[in-house]
Amino acid sequence: MLNLKTIAHYVMIKRITICALIVFMLIWKADNTLAGEPMRLSESDSGKVIQIFVGDELEVVLPGNPTTGYVWDVSSLDSHFLTQAKTDFIANDKAIGSGGMEVLRFKAIAAGRSEVKLIFHRPFERNVPPAKTFDATVIIKNE
């Protein structure tokens, strides 16, 4: 026989389960982003294969300091599936010449697969290998 205390406990468990399900549904699109937020990759994600959906944005956030002449540039990208939106630099502090993070943004425009290869170099130095590289394989799916 069910008593009032047992019913109240059952209702509480049901509410917790529903709340957990709602939270899960909000974050299901990507394992390290919230729905509606861009997928963010960092230096430690180089070499990984990731999945996003058509219409999603991808941000690659890498350390840099453009005052030294070094910048991150795209060396390979399949523009049928991904387009480069823009690049920003966010300084660590307000001191002139301080380092920070370069944020390269991309938009998924069609289902398919694209390698994203970036190089950290001084564009004005010819025939010099890049100081660093970053690469990721992006699989873009229809929702």
N, C-alpha and C. Protein backbone atom coordinates (compact mmCIF):
# COMPACT_ATOMS: atom_id res chain seq x y z
N MET A 1 0.83 -1.17 0.00
CA MET A 1 0.00 0.00 0.00
C MET A 1 0.88 1.25 0.00
N LEU A 2 0.54 2.20 -0.86
CA LEU A 2 1.30 3.44 -0.95
C LEU A 2 0.81 4.43 0.09
N ASN A 3 1.77 5.04 0.78
CA ASN A 3 1.38 6.09 1.71
C ASN A 3 1.79 7.43 1.11
N LEU A 4 1.42 8.51 1.75
CA LEU A 4 1.67 9.85 1.27
C LEU A 4 3.17 10.14 1.13
N LYS A 5 3.97 9.64 2.03
CA LYS A 5 5.42 9.85 1.99
C LYS A 5 6.03 9.16 0.76
N THR A 6 5.60 7.98 0.44
CA THR A 6 6.09 7.25 -0.73
C THR A 6 5.71 7.96 -2.02
N ILE A 7 4.51 8.46 -2.10
CA ILE A 7 4.04 9.19 -3.28
C ILE A 7 4.85 10.48 -3.45
N ALA A 8 5.09 11.21 -2.37
CA ALA A 8 5.87 12.45 -2.43
C ALA A 8 7.30 12.15 -2.91
N HIS A 9 7.88 11.06 -2.43
CA HIS A 9 9.22 10.67 -2.86
C HIS A 9 9.23 10.34 -4.35
N TYR A 10 8.22 9.62 -4.81
CA TYR A 10 8.11 9.26 -6.22
C TYR A 10 8.00 10.52 -7.09
N VAL A 11 7.19 11.48 -6.68
CA VAL A 11 7.02 12.74 -7.43
C VAL A 11 8.34 13.51 -7.47
N MET A 12 9.07 13.53 -6.36
CA MET A 12 10.35 14.24 -6.34
C MET A 12 11.36 13.58 -7.30
N ILE A 13 11.43 12.28 -7.32
CA ILE A 13 12.32 11.56 -8.23
C ILE A 13 11.95 11.86 -9.68
N LYS A 14 10.66 11.87 -9.98
CA LYS A 14 10.18 12.18 -11.34
C LYS A 14 10.61 13.58 -11.75
N ARG A 15 10.49 14.57 -10.86
CA ARG A 15 10.88 15.95 -11.17
C ARG A 15 12.38 16.04 -11.44
N ILE A 16 13.18 15.38 -10.63
CA ILE A 16 14.63 15.39 -10.83
C ILE A 16 14.98 14.77 -12.17
N THR A 17 14.35 13.67 -12.52
CA THR A 17 14.59 13.00 -13.79
C THR A 17 14.23 13.91 -14.96
N ILE A 18 13.11 14.58 -14.87
CA ILE A 18 12.67 15.49 -15.93
C ILE A 18 13.66 16.65 -16.07
N CYS A 19 14.11 17.23 -14.96
CA CYS A 19 15.09 18.32 -15.02
C CYS A 19 16.40 17.84 -15.65
N ALA A 20 16.86 16.67 -15.28
CA ALA A 20 18.09 16.12 -15.86
C ALA A 20 17.93 15.91 -17.36
N LEU A 21 16.78 15.44 -17.79
CA LEU A 21 16.51 15.23 -19.21
C LEU A 21 16.52 16.56 -19.96
N ILE A 22 15.95 17.59 -19.39
CA ILE A 22 15.94 18.91 -20.03
C ILE A 22 17.37 19.43 -20.18
N VAL A 23 18.18 19.32 -19.15
CA VAL A 23 19.58 19.77 -19.23
C VAL A 23 20.31 18.98 -20.32
N PHE A 24 20.13 17.69 -20.36
CA PHE A 24 20.77 16.87 -21.38
C PHE A 24 20.36 17.32 -22.77
N MET A 25 19.09 17.60 -22.98
CA MET A 25 18.61 18.02 -24.29
C MET A 25 19.21 19.35 -24.71
N LEU A 26 19.48 20.22 -23.75
CA LEU A 26 20.08 21.52 -24.07
C LEU A 26 21.52 21.39 -24.56
N ILE A 27 22.21 20.36 -24.11
CA ILE A 27 23.62 20.22 -24.47
C ILE A 27 23.91 19.08 -25.43
N TRP A 28 22.93 18.45 -25.99
CA TRP A 28 23.14 17.26 -26.82
C TRP A 28 23.89 17.53 -28.10
N LYS A 29 23.87 18.75 -28.65
CA LYS A 29 24.47 19.02 -29.95
C LYS A 29 25.98 18.82 -29.98
N ALA A 30 26.67 19.12 -28.90
CA ALA A 30 28.13 18.97 -28.89
C ALA A 30 28.58 18.70 -27.47
N ASP A 31 29.61 17.89 -27.36
CA ASP A 31 30.02 17.48 -26.03
C ASP A 31 30.71 18.59 -25.24
N ASN A 32 31.20 19.66 -25.88
CA ASN A 32 31.84 20.72 -25.11
C ASN A 32 31.25 22.09 -25.40
N THR A 33 30.00 22.13 -25.88
CA THR A 33 29.32 23.39 -26.09
C THR A 33 27.86 23.25 -25.71
N LEU A 34 27.24 24.36 -25.46
CA LEU A 34 25.80 24.38 -25.24
C LEU A 34 25.12 24.59 -26.58
N ALA A 35 23.90 24.14 -26.71
CA ALA A 35 23.16 24.34 -27.95
C ALA A 35 23.13 25.82 -28.28
N GLY A 36 23.39 26.16 -29.54
CA GLY A 36 23.39 27.55 -29.96
C GLY A 36 24.74 28.23 -29.80
N GLU A 37 25.64 27.64 -29.07
CA GLU A 37 26.99 28.19 -28.89
C GLU A 37 27.91 27.55 -29.91
N PRO A 38 28.97 28.27 -30.32
CA PRO A 38 29.90 27.64 -31.26
C PRO A 38 30.70 26.51 -30.62
N MET A 39 31.09 25.55 -31.43
CA MET A 39 32.02 24.50 -30.99
C MET A 39 33.38 25.18 -30.84
N ARG A 40 34.01 25.03 -29.70
CA ARG A 40 35.31 25.66 -29.46
C ARG A 40 36.41 24.62 -29.38
N LEU A 41 37.46 24.85 -30.15
CA LEU A 41 38.63 23.99 -30.12
C LEU A 41 39.82 24.80 -29.64
N SER A 42 40.74 24.12 -28.96
CA SER A 42 41.96 24.78 -28.49
C SER A 42 43.16 24.01 -29.01
N GLU A 43 44.33 24.46 -28.66
CA GLU A 43 45.58 23.85 -29.11
C GLU A 43 45.62 22.35 -28.80
N SER A 44 45.07 21.96 -27.67
CA SER A 44 45.08 20.55 -27.28
C SER A 44 44.15 19.69 -28.14
N ASP A 45 43.28 20.31 -28.95
CA ASP A 45 42.37 19.57 -29.81
C ASP A 45 42.96 19.26 -31.19
N SER A 46 44.18 19.71 -31.44
CA SER A 46 44.81 19.44 -32.73
C SER A 46 44.88 17.93 -32.96
N GLY A 47 44.52 17.53 -34.18
CA GLY A 47 44.53 16.12 -34.54
C GLY A 47 43.21 15.42 -34.32
N LYS A 48 42.25 16.07 -33.71
CA LYS A 48 40.97 15.44 -33.40
C LYS A 48 40.01 15.48 -34.58
N VAL A 49 39.03 14.59 -34.53
CA VAL A 49 37.91 14.58 -35.46
C VAL A 49 36.70 15.04 -34.67
N ILE A 50 36.02 16.07 -35.18
CA ILE A 50 34.85 16.59 -34.49
C ILE A 50 33.65 16.56 -35.43
N GLN A 51 32.48 16.64 -34.85
CA GLN A 51 31.25 16.66 -35.63
C GLN A 51 30.43 17.88 -35.26
N ILE A 52 29.96 18.59 -36.28
CA ILE A 52 29.05 19.71 -36.09
C ILE A 52 27.93 19.57 -37.12
N PHE A 53 26.99 20.49 -37.08
CA PHE A 53 25.85 20.44 -37.99
C PHE A 53 25.84 21.65 -38.90
N VAL A 54 25.21 21.51 -40.06
CA VAL A 54 25.06 22.62 -40.99
C VAL A 54 24.45 23.79 -40.24
N GLY A 55 25.03 24.96 -40.39
CA GLY A 55 24.57 26.16 -39.70
C GLY A 55 25.34 26.45 -38.41
N ASP A 56 26.03 25.45 -37.88
CA ASP A 56 26.81 25.65 -36.65
C ASP A 56 28.06 26.47 -36.94
N GLU A 57 28.58 27.06 -35.87
CA GLU A 57 29.84 27.79 -35.94
C GLU A 57 30.90 27.02 -35.20
N LEU A 58 32.13 27.18 -35.67
CA LEU A 58 33.30 26.55 -35.08
C LEU A 58 34.29 27.66 -34.75
N GLU A 59 34.81 27.64 -33.53
CA GLU A 59 35.85 28.59 -33.12
C GLU A 59 37.11 27.81 -32.76
N VAL A 60 38.22 28.24 -33.32
CA VAL A 60 39.51 27.67 -32.95
C VAL A 60 40.25 28.77 -32.21
N VAL A 61 40.55 28.52 -30.93
CA VAL A 61 41.16 29.52 -30.06
C VAL A 61 42.59 29.08 -29.76
N LEU A 62 43.55 29.87 -30.26
CA LEU A 62 44.96 29.49 -30.17
C LEU A 62 45.79 30.64 -29.63
N PRO A 63 46.84 30.33 -28.86
CA PRO A 63 47.69 31.40 -28.32
C PRO A 63 48.45 32.10 -29.44
N GLY A 64 48.60 33.42 -29.28
CA GLY A 64 49.32 34.19 -30.29
C GLY A 64 49.71 35.56 -29.78
N ASN A 65 50.47 36.24 -30.61
CA ASN A 65 50.88 37.61 -30.31
C ASN A 65 51.23 38.29 -31.62
N PRO A 66 50.24 38.91 -32.28
CA PRO A 66 50.49 39.49 -33.60
C PRO A 66 51.53 40.61 -33.61
N THR A 67 51.84 41.18 -32.45
CA THR A 67 52.86 42.24 -32.43
C THR A 67 54.25 41.70 -32.76
N THR A 68 54.44 40.39 -32.67
CA THR A 68 55.71 39.76 -33.03
C THR A 68 55.77 39.45 -34.52
N GLY A 69 54.67 39.66 -35.23
CA GLY A 69 54.60 39.33 -36.64
C GLY A 69 53.99 37.96 -36.90
N TYR A 70 53.89 37.14 -35.87
CA TYR A 70 53.32 35.80 -36.03
C TYR A 70 51.80 35.85 -35.95
N VAL A 71 51.15 35.18 -36.89
CA VAL A 71 49.69 35.08 -36.90
C VAL A 71 49.30 33.66 -37.30
N TRP A 72 48.08 33.29 -36.97
CA TRP A 72 47.51 32.02 -37.41
C TRP A 72 46.77 32.28 -38.72
N ASP A 73 47.09 31.50 -39.74
CA ASP A 73 46.42 31.58 -41.04
C ASP A 73 45.91 30.20 -41.44
N VAL A 74 44.85 30.21 -42.23
CA VAL A 74 44.32 28.96 -42.77
C VAL A 74 45.21 28.51 -43.91
N SER A 75 45.71 27.28 -43.84
CA SER A 75 46.49 26.74 -44.95
C SER A 75 45.70 25.73 -45.76
N SER A 76 44.62 25.18 -45.16
CA SER A 76 43.79 24.22 -45.89
C SER A 76 42.39 24.21 -45.27
N LEU A 77 41.39 24.27 -46.17
CA LEU A 77 39.99 24.29 -45.75
C LEU A 77 39.15 24.01 -46.98
N ASP A 78 38.16 23.14 -46.88
CA ASP A 78 37.27 22.89 -48.02
C ASP A 78 36.11 23.87 -47.93
N SER A 79 36.15 24.88 -48.78
CA SER A 79 35.15 25.97 -48.73
C SER A 79 33.77 25.54 -49.22
N HIS A 80 33.64 24.30 -49.69
CA HIS A 80 32.31 23.80 -50.04
C HIS A 80 31.49 23.49 -48.79
N PHE A 81 32.21 23.23 -47.68
CA PHE A 81 31.55 22.80 -46.45
C PHE A 81 31.72 23.79 -45.30
N LEU A 82 32.85 24.47 -45.24
CA LEU A 82 33.14 25.45 -44.18
C LEU A 82 33.61 26.75 -44.81
N THR A 83 33.16 27.86 -44.24
CA THR A 83 33.69 29.15 -44.66
C THR A 83 34.31 29.83 -43.44
N GLN A 84 35.36 30.59 -43.70
CA GLN A 84 35.97 31.32 -42.60
C GLN A 84 35.19 32.60 -42.39
N ALA A 85 34.72 32.81 -41.17
CA ALA A 85 33.92 33.99 -40.86
C ALA A 85 34.81 35.19 -40.54
N LYS A 86 35.61 35.09 -39.49
CA LYS A 86 36.52 36.18 -39.16
C LYS A 86 37.52 35.70 -38.12
N THR A 87 38.53 36.53 -37.91
CA THR A 87 39.56 36.25 -36.92
C THR A 87 39.68 37.45 -36.00
N ASP A 88 39.76 37.19 -34.70
CA ASP A 88 39.94 38.24 -33.70
C ASP A 88 41.13 37.91 -32.83
N PHE A 89 41.69 38.93 -32.20
CA PHE A 89 42.75 38.74 -31.22
C PHE A 89 42.25 39.29 -29.90
N ILE A 90 42.38 38.50 -28.84
CA ILE A 90 41.97 38.93 -27.50
C ILE A 90 43.22 38.94 -26.63
N ALA A 91 43.67 40.14 -26.26
CA ALA A 91 44.90 40.29 -25.48
C ALA A 91 44.69 39.81 -24.05
N ASN A 92 45.77 39.29 -23.46
CA ASN A 92 45.71 38.85 -22.06
C ASN A 92 45.57 40.03 -21.11
N ASP A 93 46.15 41.16 -21.47
CA ASP A 93 46.00 42.38 -20.67
C ASP A 93 46.14 43.58 -21.59
N LYS A 94 46.09 44.77 -21.02
CA LYS A 94 46.09 45.99 -21.82
C LYS A 94 47.49 46.50 -22.17
N ALA A 95 48.54 45.85 -21.70
CA ALA A 95 49.90 46.29 -21.99
C ALA A 95 50.20 46.14 -23.48
N ILE A 96 50.85 47.13 -24.04
CA ILE A 96 51.22 47.10 -25.45
C ILE A 96 52.14 45.90 -25.69
N GLY A 97 51.85 45.16 -26.74
CA GLY A 97 52.67 44.01 -27.10
C GLY A 97 52.38 42.74 -26.34
N SER A 98 51.34 42.75 -25.51
CA SER A 98 51.05 41.54 -24.73
C SER A 98 50.46 40.45 -25.62
N GLY A 99 50.71 39.24 -25.24
CA GLY A 99 50.17 38.09 -25.95
C GLY A 99 48.71 37.89 -25.61
N GLY A 100 48.13 36.89 -26.20
CA GLY A 100 46.73 36.59 -25.94
C GLY A 100 46.29 35.40 -26.76
N MET A 101 45.05 35.46 -27.20
CA MET A 101 44.47 34.36 -27.96
C MET A 101 43.91 34.86 -29.28
N GLU A 102 44.22 34.14 -30.35
CA GLU A 102 43.61 34.40 -31.64
C GLU A 102 42.40 33.49 -31.76
N VAL A 103 41.30 34.04 -32.21
CA VAL A 103 40.06 33.29 -32.36
C VAL A 103 39.69 33.28 -33.85
N LEU A 104 39.79 32.12 -34.46
CA LEU A 104 39.43 31.95 -35.86
C LEU A 104 38.06 31.30 -35.92
N ARG A 105 37.13 31.95 -36.62
CA ARG A 105 35.75 31.47 -36.66
C ARG A 105 35.41 30.93 -38.05
N PHE A 106 34.64 29.84 -38.04
CA PHE A 106 34.21 29.19 -39.27
C PHE A 106 32.73 28.88 -39.17
N LYS A 107 32.07 28.78 -40.32
CA LYS A 107 30.64 28.45 -40.36
C LYS A 107 30.44 27.24 -41.25
N ALA A 108 29.68 26.27 -40.76
CA ALA A 108 29.35 25.07 -41.53
C ALA A 108 28.22 25.40 -42.50
N ILE A 109 28.48 25.25 -43.81
CA ILE A 109 27.47 25.67 -44.80
C ILE A 109 26.84 24.50 -45.55
N ALA A 110 27.46 23.31 -45.48
CA ALA A 110 26.89 22.14 -46.16
C ALA A 110 27.40 20.88 -45.48
N ALA A 111 26.63 19.81 -45.63
CA ALA A 111 27.04 18.53 -45.07
C ALA A 111 28.24 18.00 -45.85
N GLY A 112 29.20 17.45 -45.13
CA GLY A 112 30.40 16.90 -45.76
C GLY A 112 31.53 16.82 -44.75
N ARG A 113 32.74 16.89 -45.27
CA ARG A 113 33.94 16.73 -44.44
C ARG A 113 34.99 17.72 -44.89
N SER A 114 35.64 18.37 -43.94
CA SER A 114 36.70 19.31 -44.27
C SER A 114 37.84 19.18 -43.27
N GLU A 115 39.04 19.20 -43.79
CA GLU A 115 40.22 19.33 -42.93
C GLU A 115 40.39 20.82 -42.68
N VAL A 116 40.67 21.17 -41.45
CA VAL A 116 41.00 22.55 -41.10
C VAL A 116 42.46 22.53 -40.68
N LYS A 117 43.30 23.12 -41.52
CA LYS A 117 44.73 23.18 -41.22
C LYS A 117 45.14 24.63 -41.09
N LEU A 118 45.76 24.94 -39.95
CA LEU A 118 46.20 26.30 -39.65
C LEU A 118 47.71 26.31 -39.44
N ILE A 119 48.32 27.42 -39.81
CA ILE A 119 49.76 27.57 -39.57
C ILE A 119 50.01 28.86 -38.81
N PHE A 120 50.97 28.80 -37.90
CA PHE A 120 51.39 29.95 -37.11
C PHE A 120 52.71 30.40 -37.71
N HIS A 121 52.69 31.55 -38.37
CA HIS A 121 53.86 31.98 -39.12
C HIS A 121 53.90 33.50 -39.25
N ARG A 122 54.99 33.97 -39.80
CA ARG A 122 55.10 35.38 -40.18
C ARG A 122 54.86 35.42 -41.69
N PRO A 123 53.73 35.97 -42.12
CA PRO A 123 53.38 35.93 -43.55
C PRO A 123 54.43 36.58 -44.45
N PHE A 124 55.19 37.50 -43.91
CA PHE A 124 56.19 38.20 -44.73
C PHE A 124 57.48 37.40 -44.89
N GLU A 125 57.65 36.33 -44.14
CA GLU A 125 58.84 35.49 -44.27
C GLU A 125 58.54 34.36 -45.26
N ARG A 126 59.18 34.40 -46.40
CA ARG A 126 58.96 33.39 -47.44
C ARG A 126 59.89 32.19 -47.22
N ASN A 127 59.42 31.02 -47.59
CA ASN A 127 60.20 29.78 -47.52
C ASN A 127 60.70 29.45 -46.12
N VAL A 128 59.95 29.85 -45.12
CA VAL A 128 60.27 29.52 -43.73
C VAL A 128 59.14 28.63 -43.20
N PRO A 129 59.47 27.47 -42.66
CA PRO A 129 58.39 26.61 -42.15
C PRO A 129 57.65 27.29 -40.99
N PRO A 130 56.36 26.94 -40.82
CA PRO A 130 55.60 27.56 -39.72
C PRO A 130 56.18 27.18 -38.36
N ALA A 131 56.02 28.10 -37.41
CA ALA A 131 56.48 27.84 -36.04
C ALA A 131 55.62 26.77 -35.36
N LYS A 132 54.31 26.75 -35.69
CA LYS A 132 53.38 25.78 -35.13
C LYS A 132 52.33 25.47 -36.19
N THR A 133 51.65 24.35 -36.00
CA THR A 133 50.52 24.00 -36.86
C THR A 133 49.36 23.51 -36.00
N PHE A 134 48.19 23.56 -36.57
CA PHE A 134 46.98 23.03 -35.94
C PHE A 134 46.18 22.38 -37.04
N ASP A 135 45.63 21.20 -36.77
CA ASP A 135 44.74 20.58 -37.75
C ASP A 135 43.65 19.80 -37.03
N ALA A 136 42.49 19.81 -37.66
CA ALA A 136 41.35 19.05 -37.16
C ALA A 136 40.51 18.62 -38.35
N THR A 137 39.86 17.50 -38.22
CA THR A 137 38.93 17.03 -39.23
C THR A 137 37.52 17.35 -38.75
N VAL A 138 36.77 18.05 -39.59
CA VAL A 138 35.42 18.46 -39.22
C VAL A 138 34.42 17.71 -40.10
N ILE A 139 33.55 16.98 -39.45
CA ILE A 139 32.47 16.28 -40.16
C ILE A 139 31.21 17.09 -39.92
N ILE A 140 30.60 17.50 -41.01
CA ILE A 140 29.39 18.35 -40.92
C ILE A 140 28.20 17.52 -41.36
N LYS A 141 27.19 17.47 -40.50
CA LYS A 141 25.99 16.68 -40.79
C LYS A 141 24.77 17.60 -40.86
N ASN A 142 23.76 17.13 -41.57
CA ASN A 142 22.46 17.81 -41.55
C ASN A 142 21.80 17.46 -40.23
N GLU A 143 21.05 18.38 -39.68
CA GLU A 143 20.39 18.12 -38.39
C GLU A 143 19.30 17.11 -38.49
